[in-house]
Amino acid sequence: MLMLLSAARQGRAAFIHRDFHPANILWEEDRISGVVDWVNAYRGPAEVDVAHCRIKLALMVGLEAAESFSQAYEQCSGQGYDP
């Protein structure tokens, strides 16, 4: 927890999920309709959610999916991601 707080102070903080992964995303056809399980939500660096989701994607579907997710994050957010 202290590491997360320290990182949030140094970088740009955001409202983060802290358990963001494919099983917590609701879909309607080909669009995201919601995100569930916000019990661990907190303020911190967005990269925490990116890293957590990358790990889950790599384990569930493979490294290619994790890399695609990182690229999509960078494109949509305009921020770089360094694993």
Protein backbone atom coordinates (compact mmCIF):
# COMPACT_ATOMS: atom_id res chain seq x y z
CA MET A 1 0.00 0.00 0.00
CA LEU A 2 2.80 2.44 0.81
CA MET A 3 4.39 1.78 -2.57
CA LEU A 4 1.08 2.55 -4.31
CA LEU A 5 0.66 5.78 -2.37
CA SER A 6 4.22 6.80 -3.11
CA ALA A 7 3.76 6.13 -6.84
CA ALA A 8 0.53 8.12 -6.88
CA ARG A 9 2.29 11.10 -5.34
CA GLN A 10 5.10 10.99 -7.90
CA GLY A 11 3.04 10.41 -11.06
CA ARG A 12 -0.38 11.33 -12.28
CA ALA A 13 -3.03 9.87 -10.03
CA ALA A 14 -6.40 8.62 -11.22
CA PHE A 15 -9.39 6.75 -9.87
CA ILE A 16 -8.32 3.14 -10.43
CA HIS A 17 -10.06 -0.20 -10.17
CA ARG A 18 -7.11 -2.20 -8.73
CA ASP A 19 -8.58 -5.50 -9.97
CA PHE A 20 -9.12 -4.60 -13.62
CA HIS A 21 -9.18 -7.67 -15.87
CA PRO A 22 -11.38 -9.24 -18.55
CA ALA A 23 -13.66 -11.05 -16.09
CA ASN A 24 -14.67 -7.71 -14.54
CA ILE A 25 -15.77 -6.20 -17.84
CA LEU A 26 -19.37 -6.46 -19.05
CA TRP A 27 -20.05 -6.52 -22.78
CA GLU A 28 -23.09 -5.79 -24.91
CA GLU A 29 -22.42 -7.07 -28.41
CA ASP A 30 -18.97 -5.63 -29.27
CA ARG A 31 -18.98 -2.71 -26.79
CA ILE A 32 -18.11 -2.41 -23.13
CA SER A 33 -21.31 -1.81 -21.16
CA GLY A 34 -19.83 -1.71 -17.67
CA VAL A 35 -17.11 -2.66 -15.23
CA VAL A 36 -17.95 -4.56 -12.03
CA ASP A 37 -16.23 -5.34 -8.71
CA TRP A 38 -15.15 -1.90 -7.58
CA VAL A 39 -14.55 -2.93 -3.95
CA ASN A 40 -10.77 -2.31 -4.26
CA ALA A 41 -11.05 1.05 -6.05
CA TYR A 42 -8.59 3.69 -4.94
CA ARG A 43 -6.66 6.70 -6.12
CA GLY A 44 -3.34 5.85 -7.72
CA PRO A 45 -1.39 5.53 -10.96
CA ALA A 46 -3.41 4.21 -13.92
CA GLU A 47 -0.52 1.91 -14.74
CA VAL A 48 -1.58 -0.30 -11.81
CA ASP A 49 -4.74 -1.27 -13.70
CA VAL A 50 -2.83 -1.66 -16.96
CA ALA A 51 -0.25 -3.96 -15.35
CA HIS A 52 -2.86 -6.08 -13.58
CA CYS A 53 -4.91 -6.52 -16.75
CA ARG A 54 -1.79 -7.35 -18.80
CA ILE A 55 -0.90 -10.16 -16.40
CA LYS A 56 -4.43 -11.59 -16.46
CA LEU A 57 -4.60 -11.37 -20.27
CA ALA A 58 -1.21 -13.05 -20.66
CA LEU A 59 -2.30 -15.91 -18.39
CA MET A 60 -5.77 -16.28 -19.89
CA VAL A 61 -5.11 -15.78 -23.60
CA GLY A 62 -1.40 -15.19 -24.20
CA LEU A 63 1.25 -12.50 -24.51
CA GLU A 64 -0.08 -11.18 -27.81
CA ALA A 65 -3.34 -10.14 -26.10
CA ALA A 66 -1.39 -8.44 -23.31
CA GLU A 67 0.70 -6.50 -25.83
CA SER A 68 -2.40 -5.49 -27.82
CA PHE A 69 -4.00 -4.21 -24.61
CA SER A 70 -0.89 -2.12 -23.79
CA GLN A 71 -0.87 -0.63 -27.28
CA ALA A 72 -4.58 0.20 -27.07
CA TYR A 73 -4.03 1.84 -23.67
CA GLU A 74 -1.20 3.97 -25.04
CA GLN A 75 -3.21 4.96 -28.13
CA CYS A 76 -6.36 5.85 -26.18
CA SER A 77 -4.70 7.57 -23.23
CA GLY A 78 -1.84 9.27 -25.03
CA GLN A 79 0.42 7.95 -22.26
CA GLY A 80 3.32 5.56 -22.58
CA TYR A 81 3.42 2.32 -20.63
CA ASP A 82 6.64 0.72 -19.43
CA PRO A 83 6.07 -2.73 -17.96
